[in-house]
Amino acid sequence: MTSFAEIEAEFNAIVGATVYATMVTVDARNRPRTRVLIPIWENVDGRPLGWLATYRTPVKVAHLAGNPHTSFSYWRPGNNSVAVDAVASWADGLDVRRRVWDLYRATSPRGAGYDLGGFWHSPADPKLHVLRLDPFRVQVIRGMDLRSRIWTAG
């Protein structure tokens, strides 16, 4: 499907209830590495857009420099799940960090997010970095019958 609106409500419900996602990157030898974290998502001009407040660790920096493609997986008991394949890029401007700070505090979608003040002092904290996540494929699976719906970027 080409309209994210067709799966947005299910996407928001599963992501908001699950909160934590497993993020996958690959190293220079194509070996995967996973980590569990909390990205936030919004709809911009009919397309999903994600943000990840994070530390700029050497492993994450190296992996994304070599291959910016990443995958996020959300899973709930009952087998409701969301998979997001995206291209990640560093977006560290102060205006972006302020916007992301506010989105995390408001929780986006509802339930997903937290007060970033528990890890960073403010949007201007030099240890706060932001990854912009541009999805090209989102899959929502309903556990009760394994119905799968997939949005792809046009």
N, C-alpha and C. Protein backbone atom coordinates (compact mmCIF):
# COMPACT_ATOMS: atom_id res chain seq x y z
N MET A 1 0.83 -1.18 0.00
CA MET A 1 0.00 0.00 0.00
C MET A 1 0.88 1.24 0.00
N THR A 2 0.39 2.28 -0.61
CA THR A 2 1.18 3.51 -0.71
C THR A 2 0.69 4.59 0.25
N SER A 3 -0.45 4.36 0.92
CA SER A 3 -0.95 5.34 1.87
C SER A 3 -0.68 4.86 3.29
N PHE A 4 0.20 5.57 4.01
CA PHE A 4 0.50 5.21 5.38
C PHE A 4 -0.75 5.30 6.26
N ALA A 5 -1.68 6.17 5.90
CA ALA A 5 -2.91 6.34 6.68
C ALA A 5 -3.66 5.02 6.86
N GLU A 6 -3.51 4.10 5.91
CA GLU A 6 -4.22 2.82 5.97
C GLU A 6 -3.76 1.94 7.14
N ILE A 7 -2.53 2.14 7.61
CA ILE A 7 -2.04 1.32 8.72
C ILE A 7 -1.63 2.17 9.93
N GLU A 8 -1.78 3.47 9.82
CA GLU A 8 -1.28 4.37 10.87
C GLU A 8 -1.89 4.10 12.24
N ALA A 9 -3.20 3.86 12.32
CA ALA A 9 -3.84 3.64 13.62
C ALA A 9 -3.28 2.37 14.29
N GLU A 10 -3.13 1.29 13.53
CA GLU A 10 -2.56 0.06 14.09
C GLU A 10 -1.10 0.25 14.47
N PHE A 11 -0.36 0.93 13.61
CA PHE A 11 1.04 1.25 13.89
C PHE A 11 1.14 2.00 15.22
N ASN A 12 0.36 3.07 15.36
CA ASN A 12 0.41 3.87 16.58
C ASN A 12 0.01 3.07 17.81
N ALA A 13 -1.00 2.23 17.69
CA ALA A 13 -1.46 1.44 18.83
C ALA A 13 -0.39 0.46 19.30
N ILE A 14 0.24 -0.23 18.36
CA ILE A 14 1.26 -1.22 18.74
C ILE A 14 2.51 -0.53 19.26
N VAL A 15 2.98 0.49 18.57
CA VAL A 15 4.18 1.21 19.01
C VAL A 15 3.94 1.87 20.36
N GLY A 16 2.79 2.50 20.54
CA GLY A 16 2.48 3.17 21.80
C GLY A 16 2.36 2.22 22.97
N ALA A 17 1.89 1.01 22.71
CA ALA A 17 1.75 0.02 23.79
C ALA A 17 3.06 -0.70 24.07
N THR A 18 3.89 -0.86 23.05
CA THR A 18 5.14 -1.60 23.19
C THR A 18 6.27 -0.71 23.71
N VAL A 19 6.38 0.49 23.19
CA VAL A 19 7.34 1.52 23.54
C VAL A 19 8.76 1.16 23.08
N TYR A 20 9.31 0.05 23.57
CA TYR A 20 10.70 -0.31 23.26
C TYR A 20 10.79 -1.04 21.93
N ALA A 21 11.79 -0.68 21.15
CA ALA A 21 12.04 -1.34 19.86
C ALA A 21 13.44 -1.92 19.87
N THR A 22 13.60 -2.98 19.12
CA THR A 22 14.93 -3.52 18.86
C THR A 22 15.43 -2.89 17.57
N MET A 23 16.57 -2.23 17.64
CA MET A 23 17.18 -1.59 16.47
C MET A 23 18.31 -2.47 15.98
N VAL A 24 18.38 -2.66 14.66
CA VAL A 24 19.44 -3.47 14.07
C VAL A 24 20.27 -2.61 13.13
N THR A 25 21.59 -2.69 13.29
CA THR A 25 22.54 -2.11 12.34
C THR A 25 23.51 -3.22 11.96
N VAL A 26 24.34 -2.97 10.96
CA VAL A 26 25.34 -3.96 10.58
C VAL A 26 26.72 -3.33 10.55
N ASP A 27 27.73 -4.15 10.85
CA ASP A 27 29.10 -3.64 10.83
C ASP A 27 29.69 -3.77 9.43
N ALA A 28 30.96 -3.44 9.29
CA ALA A 28 31.63 -3.43 7.99
C ALA A 28 31.71 -4.83 7.37
N ARG A 29 31.54 -5.86 8.21
CA ARG A 29 31.56 -7.25 7.70
C ARG A 29 30.15 -7.83 7.61
N ASN A 30 29.15 -6.93 7.63
CA ASN A 30 27.73 -7.28 7.51
C ASN A 30 27.21 -8.16 8.64
N ARG A 31 27.81 -8.04 9.82
CA ARG A 31 27.32 -8.76 10.99
C ARG A 31 26.34 -7.85 11.72
N PRO A 32 25.16 -8.36 12.07
CA PRO A 32 24.17 -7.52 12.73
C PRO A 32 24.50 -7.26 14.19
N ARG A 33 24.03 -6.12 14.65
CA ARG A 33 24.12 -5.75 16.07
C ARG A 33 22.76 -5.20 16.45
N THR A 34 22.24 -5.64 17.58
CA THR A 34 20.94 -5.15 18.04
C THR A 34 21.12 -4.36 19.32
N ARG A 35 20.17 -3.47 19.57
CA ARG A 35 20.09 -2.73 20.81
C ARG A 35 18.63 -2.39 21.02
N VAL A 36 18.22 -2.25 22.26
CA VAL A 36 16.83 -1.94 22.59
C VAL A 36 16.75 -0.48 23.03
N LEU A 37 15.83 0.26 22.42
CA LEU A 37 15.72 1.68 22.71
C LEU A 37 14.33 2.19 22.37
N ILE A 38 14.13 3.48 22.49
CA ILE A 38 12.80 4.07 22.29
C ILE A 38 12.86 5.17 21.23
N PRO A 39 12.55 4.84 19.98
CA PRO A 39 12.39 5.90 18.99
C PRO A 39 10.98 6.48 19.09
N ILE A 40 10.79 7.65 18.52
CA ILE A 40 9.45 8.24 18.44
C ILE A 40 9.13 8.43 16.96
N TRP A 41 7.85 8.55 16.67
CA TRP A 41 7.38 8.60 15.27
C TRP A 41 6.32 9.66 15.13
N GLU A 42 6.28 10.24 13.96
CA GLU A 42 5.22 11.20 13.62
C GLU A 42 4.87 11.02 12.16
N ASN A 43 3.76 11.60 11.77
CA ASN A 43 3.32 11.59 10.38
C ASN A 43 3.60 12.98 9.82
N VAL A 44 4.43 13.04 8.80
CA VAL A 44 4.76 14.31 8.15
C VAL A 44 4.40 14.18 6.68
N ASP A 45 3.43 14.97 6.28
CA ASP A 45 2.97 14.96 4.88
C ASP A 45 2.55 13.57 4.43
N GLY A 46 1.88 12.84 5.32
CA GLY A 46 1.35 11.53 4.97
C GLY A 46 2.34 10.40 5.02
N ARG A 47 3.55 10.67 5.49
CA ARG A 47 4.58 9.63 5.58
C ARG A 47 5.09 9.52 7.02
N PRO A 48 5.47 8.32 7.43
CA PRO A 48 6.06 8.20 8.76
C PRO A 48 7.46 8.80 8.79
N LEU A 49 7.80 9.39 9.93
CA LEU A 49 9.13 9.94 10.14
C LEU A 49 9.50 9.65 11.59
N GLY A 50 10.67 9.10 11.80
CA GLY A 50 11.10 8.74 13.14
C GLY A 50 12.27 9.56 13.62
N TRP A 51 12.41 9.58 14.95
CA TRP A 51 13.50 10.30 15.60
C TRP A 51 14.02 9.44 16.74
N LEU A 52 15.31 9.44 16.92
CA LEU A 52 15.90 8.69 18.02
C LEU A 52 16.87 9.58 18.77
N ALA A 53 16.54 9.90 20.01
CA ALA A 53 17.47 10.60 20.90
C ALA A 53 18.44 9.54 21.40
N THR A 54 19.74 9.82 21.25
CA THR A 54 20.70 8.77 21.53
C THR A 54 22.07 9.35 21.87
N TYR A 55 22.93 8.47 22.33
CA TYR A 55 24.35 8.82 22.47
C TYR A 55 25.04 8.44 21.18
N ARG A 56 26.06 9.19 20.84
CA ARG A 56 26.80 8.95 19.60
C ARG A 56 27.95 7.98 19.92
N THR A 57 27.62 6.71 20.08
CA THR A 57 28.62 5.72 20.45
C THR A 57 29.47 5.34 19.25
N PRO A 58 30.73 4.95 19.48
CA PRO A 58 31.60 4.57 18.36
C PRO A 58 31.02 3.46 17.49
N VAL A 59 30.39 2.47 18.09
CA VAL A 59 29.82 1.36 17.31
C VAL A 59 28.69 1.85 16.43
N LYS A 60 27.76 2.61 17.00
CA LYS A 60 26.62 3.11 16.23
C LYS A 60 27.11 4.02 15.09
N VAL A 61 28.06 4.90 15.40
CA VAL A 61 28.59 5.81 14.38
C VAL A 61 29.24 5.03 13.24
N ALA A 62 30.05 4.05 13.57
CA ALA A 62 30.74 3.25 12.55
C ALA A 62 29.75 2.46 11.70
N HIS A 63 28.79 1.82 12.35
CA HIS A 63 27.82 1.03 11.60
C HIS A 63 27.03 1.90 10.63
N LEU A 64 26.52 3.02 11.10
CA LEU A 64 25.69 3.86 10.24
C LEU A 64 26.51 4.58 9.17
N ALA A 65 27.77 4.84 9.44
CA ALA A 65 28.64 5.44 8.41
C ALA A 65 28.85 4.44 7.28
N GLY A 66 28.95 3.17 7.62
CA GLY A 66 29.16 2.14 6.61
C GLY A 66 27.89 1.73 5.89
N ASN A 67 26.77 1.79 6.59
CA ASN A 67 25.48 1.42 6.01
C ASN A 67 24.38 2.10 6.83
N PRO A 68 23.75 3.13 6.29
CA PRO A 68 22.75 3.87 7.06
C PRO A 68 21.40 3.16 7.18
N HIS A 69 21.25 2.01 6.52
CA HIS A 69 19.99 1.27 6.62
C HIS A 69 19.89 0.60 7.99
N THR A 70 18.71 0.69 8.58
CA THR A 70 18.47 0.10 9.88
C THR A 70 17.06 -0.46 9.92
N SER A 71 16.82 -1.29 10.90
CA SER A 71 15.50 -1.89 11.07
C SER A 71 15.11 -1.80 12.53
N PHE A 72 13.82 -1.55 12.77
CA PHE A 72 13.28 -1.48 14.12
C PHE A 72 12.15 -2.49 14.22
N SER A 73 12.13 -3.23 15.32
CA SER A 73 11.10 -4.24 15.51
C SER A 73 10.42 -4.05 16.85
N TYR A 74 9.09 -4.03 16.82
CA TYR A 74 8.25 -3.96 18.02
C TYR A 74 7.46 -5.26 18.09
N TRP A 75 7.38 -5.87 19.26
CA TRP A 75 6.60 -7.10 19.42
C TRP A 75 5.84 -7.06 20.72
N ARG A 76 4.57 -7.49 20.67
CA ARG A 76 3.72 -7.56 21.85
C ARG A 76 3.26 -8.99 22.07
N PRO A 77 3.06 -9.39 23.33
CA PRO A 77 2.42 -10.69 23.56
C PRO A 77 1.11 -10.75 22.78
N GLY A 78 0.83 -11.88 22.20
CA GLY A 78 -0.30 -12.01 21.29
C GLY A 78 0.15 -11.88 19.85
N ASN A 79 1.44 -11.58 19.67
CA ASN A 79 2.10 -11.50 18.36
C ASN A 79 1.70 -10.32 17.49
N ASN A 80 1.17 -9.25 18.09
CA ASN A 80 1.03 -8.02 17.34
C ASN A 80 2.43 -7.44 17.19
N SER A 81 2.78 -7.05 15.98
CA SER A 81 4.14 -6.54 15.78
C SER A 81 4.18 -5.46 14.69
N VAL A 82 5.24 -4.70 14.75
CA VAL A 82 5.53 -3.67 13.75
C VAL A 82 7.01 -3.80 13.40
N ALA A 83 7.31 -3.74 12.11
CA ALA A 83 8.69 -3.70 11.63
C ALA A 83 8.85 -2.45 10.77
N VAL A 84 9.90 -1.69 11.05
CA VAL A 84 10.16 -0.46 10.30
C VAL A 84 11.56 -0.56 9.71
N ASP A 85 11.67 -0.48 8.40
CA ASP A 85 12.96 -0.41 7.72
C ASP A 85 13.17 1.03 7.31
N ALA A 86 14.33 1.59 7.68
CA ALA A 86 14.54 3.02 7.49
C ALA A 86 15.99 3.32 7.16
N VAL A 87 16.21 4.54 6.69
CA VAL A 87 17.55 5.08 6.50
C VAL A 87 17.76 6.10 7.62
N ALA A 88 18.86 5.93 8.35
CA ALA A 88 19.17 6.80 9.48
C ALA A 88 20.21 7.84 9.09
N SER A 89 20.02 9.05 9.60
CA SER A 89 21.01 10.11 9.38
C SER A 89 21.07 10.97 10.63
N TRP A 90 22.26 11.46 10.95
CA TRP A 90 22.42 12.32 12.12
C TRP A 90 21.80 13.67 11.83
N ALA A 91 21.03 14.18 12.76
CA ALA A 91 20.35 15.47 12.61
C ALA A 91 20.51 16.22 13.92
N ASP A 92 21.65 16.87 14.08
CA ASP A 92 21.99 17.41 15.39
C ASP A 92 21.81 18.91 15.55
N GLY A 93 21.11 19.57 14.65
CA GLY A 93 20.88 21.00 14.84
C GLY A 93 20.06 21.26 16.09
N LEU A 94 20.28 22.38 16.74
CA LEU A 94 19.58 22.70 17.98
C LEU A 94 18.07 22.75 17.78
N ASP A 95 17.59 23.28 16.66
CA ASP A 95 16.15 23.32 16.40
C ASP A 95 15.57 21.91 16.34
N VAL A 96 16.28 20.99 15.72
CA VAL A 96 15.83 19.59 15.65
C VAL A 96 15.82 18.98 17.04
N ARG A 97 16.86 19.20 17.81
CA ARG A 97 16.91 18.64 19.16
C ARG A 97 15.78 19.19 20.03
N ARG A 98 15.45 20.46 19.88
CA ARG A 98 14.32 21.03 20.64
C ARG A 98 13.01 20.36 20.24
N ARG A 99 12.80 20.21 18.94
CA ARG A 99 11.58 19.56 18.44
C ARG A 99 11.48 18.13 18.95
N VAL A 100 12.56 17.39 18.85
CA VAL A 100 12.58 16.00 19.29
C VAL A 100 12.37 15.92 20.80
N TRP A 101 12.99 16.81 21.55
CA TRP A 101 12.82 16.87 23.00
C TRP A 101 11.33 16.99 23.34
N ASP A 102 10.64 17.89 22.65
CA ASP A 102 9.21 18.09 22.88
C ASP A 102 8.37 16.89 22.45
N LEU A 103 8.72 16.26 21.32
CA LEU A 103 7.99 15.08 20.86
C LEU A 103 8.14 13.92 21.86
N TYR A 104 9.33 13.73 22.40
CA TYR A 104 9.53 12.68 23.39
C TYR A 104 8.68 12.96 24.64
N ARG A 105 8.68 14.20 25.07
CA ARG A 105 7.93 14.55 26.28
C ARG A 105 6.42 14.35 26.07
N ALA A 106 5.93 14.70 24.88
CA ALA A 106 4.50 14.56 24.58
C ALA A 106 4.12 13.11 24.31
N THR A 107 5.07 12.28 24.07
CA THR A 107 4.97 10.89 23.61
C THR A 107 4.33 10.84 22.24
N SER A 108 5.06 10.26 21.31
CA SER A 108 4.65 10.25 19.91
C SER A 108 5.07 8.94 19.26
N PRO A 109 4.11 8.05 18.94
CA PRO A 109 2.68 8.18 19.22
C PRO A 109 2.41 8.06 20.72
N ARG A 110 1.16 8.27 21.10
CA ARG A 110 0.79 8.28 22.52
C ARG A 110 1.32 7.01 23.20
N GLY A 111 2.06 7.21 24.28
CA GLY A 111 2.64 6.09 25.03
C GLY A 111 4.11 5.88 24.76
N ALA A 112 4.57 6.22 23.56
CA ALA A 112 5.98 6.02 23.20
C ALA A 112 6.74 7.33 23.43
N GLY A 113 7.76 7.26 24.22
CA GLY A 113 8.54 8.44 24.56
C GLY A 113 8.76 8.50 26.05
N TYR A 114 9.46 9.52 26.48
CA TYR A 114 9.75 9.71 27.90
C TYR A 114 10.38 11.09 28.05
N ASP A 115 10.64 11.49 29.28
CA ASP A 115 11.27 12.78 29.52
C ASP A 115 12.78 12.62 29.32
N LEU A 116 13.31 13.21 28.27
CA LEU A 116 14.74 13.09 27.97
C LEU A 116 15.62 13.70 29.06
N GLY A 117 15.01 14.51 29.94
CA GLY A 117 15.75 15.12 31.03
C GLY A 117 16.35 14.11 32.00
N GLY A 118 15.92 12.88 31.94
CA GLY A 118 16.52 11.84 32.77
C GLY A 118 17.90 11.42 32.30
N PHE A 119 18.24 11.75 31.05
CA PHE A 119 19.53 11.37 30.48
C PHE A 119 20.37 12.57 30.04
N TRP A 120 19.71 13.65 29.63
CA TRP A 120 20.40 14.84 29.14
C TRP A 120 19.84 16.06 29.87
N HIS A 121 20.65 17.10 29.99
CA HIS A 121 20.24 18.28 30.74
C HIS A 121 19.21 19.13 30.01
N SER A 122 19.35 19.21 28.68
CA SER A 122 18.46 20.07 27.89
C SER A 122 18.70 19.73 26.42
N PRO A 123 17.91 20.30 25.52
CA PRO A 123 18.16 20.07 24.10
C PRO A 123 19.56 20.54 23.67
N ALA A 124 20.16 21.45 24.41
CA ALA A 124 21.50 21.96 24.07
C ALA A 124 22.62 21.10 24.64
N ASP A 125 22.30 20.06 25.39
CA ASP A 125 23.33 19.19 25.98
C ASP A 125 24.19 18.60 24.87
N PRO A 126 25.51 18.79 24.90
CA PRO A 126 26.37 18.28 23.83
C PRO A 126 26.42 16.75 23.75
N LYS A 127 25.94 16.07 24.77
CA LYS A 127 25.92 14.60 24.73
C LYS A 127 24.64 14.05 24.08
N LEU A 128 23.65 14.92 23.84
CA LEU A 128 22.42 14.51 23.17
C LEU A 128 22.61 14.58 21.67
N HIS A 129 22.34 13.47 21.01
CA HIS A 129 22.38 13.43 19.54
C HIS A 129 21.07 12.85 19.05
N VAL A 130 20.73 13.17 17.82
CA VAL A 130 19.46 12.74 17.25
C VAL A 130 19.71 12.06 15.91
N LEU A 131 19.08 10.91 15.76
CA LEU A 131 19.04 10.24 14.47
C LEU A 131 17.68 10.48 13.84
N ARG A 132 17.68 10.92 12.61
CA ARG A 132 16.45 11.03 11.82
C ARG A 132 16.26 9.68 11.13
N LEU A 133 15.05 9.17 11.20
CA LEU A 133 14.74 7.85 10.65
C LEU A 133 13.71 8.01 9.53
N ASP A 134 14.14 7.78 8.30
CA ASP A 134 13.26 7.91 7.15
C ASP A 134 12.85 6.52 6.67
N PRO A 135 11.65 6.06 7.08
CA PRO A 135 11.21 4.72 6.70
C PRO A 135 10.96 4.60 5.20
N PHE A 136 11.29 3.42 4.67
CA PHE A 136 10.93 3.10 3.29
C PHE A 136 9.99 1.89 3.26
N ARG A 137 9.83 1.22 4.41
CA ARG A 137 8.91 0.07 4.50
C ARG A 137 8.46 -0.06 5.96
N VAL A 138 7.14 -0.19 6.15
CA VAL A 138 6.57 -0.42 7.48
C VAL A 138 5.59 -1.58 7.35
N GLN A 139 5.77 -2.57 8.21
CA GLN A 139 4.87 -3.73 8.22
C GLN A 139 4.19 -3.82 9.58
N VAL A 140 2.87 -4.00 9.55
CA VAL A 140 2.08 -4.19 10.76
C VAL A 140 1.46 -5.58 10.67
N ILE A 141 1.68 -6.40 11.71
CA ILE A 141 1.10 -7.74 11.73
C ILE A 141 0.16 -7.85 12.92
N ARG A 142 -1.06 -8.28 12.64
CA ARG A 142 -2.05 -8.52 13.69
C ARG A 142 -1.91 -9.98 14.12
N GLY A 143 -1.63 -10.18 15.40
CA GLY A 143 -1.32 -11.51 15.89
C GLY A 143 -2.43 -12.53 15.83
N MET A 144 -3.69 -12.11 16.00
CA MET A 144 -4.77 -13.09 16.10
C MET A 144 -5.00 -13.87 14.82
N ASP A 145 -4.64 -13.31 13.69
CA ASP A 145 -4.81 -14.04 12.42
C ASP A 145 -3.60 -13.88 11.49
N LEU A 146 -2.55 -13.24 12.02
CA LEU A 146 -1.30 -13.00 11.28
C LEU A 146 -1.52 -12.19 10.01
N ARG A 147 -2.56 -11.35 10.01
CA ARG A 147 -2.78 -10.46 8.87
C ARG A 147 -1.62 -9.48 8.80
N SER A 148 -1.02 -9.36 7.65
CA SER A 148 0.12 -8.48 7.44
C SER A 148 -0.27 -7.39 6.45
N ARG A 149 0.03 -6.15 6.84
CA ARG A 149 -0.17 -5.02 5.94
C ARG A 149 1.13 -4.26 5.86
N ILE A 150 1.52 -3.90 4.64
CA ILE A 150 2.82 -3.28 4.41
C ILE A 150 2.65 -1.96 3.66
N TRP A 151 3.26 -0.91 4.22
CA TRP A 151 3.36 0.37 3.54
C TRP A 151 4.77 0.48 3.00
N THR A 152 4.91 0.98 1.78
CA THR A 152 6.23 1.26 1.22
C THR A 152 6.23 2.68 0.67
N ALA A 153 7.39 3.31 0.76
CA ALA A 153 7.54 4.67 0.23
C ALA A 153 7.40 4.63 -1.27
N GLY A 154 6.72 5.63 -1.80
CA GLY A 154 6.51 5.68 -3.24
C GLY A 154 7.72 6.13 -4.00
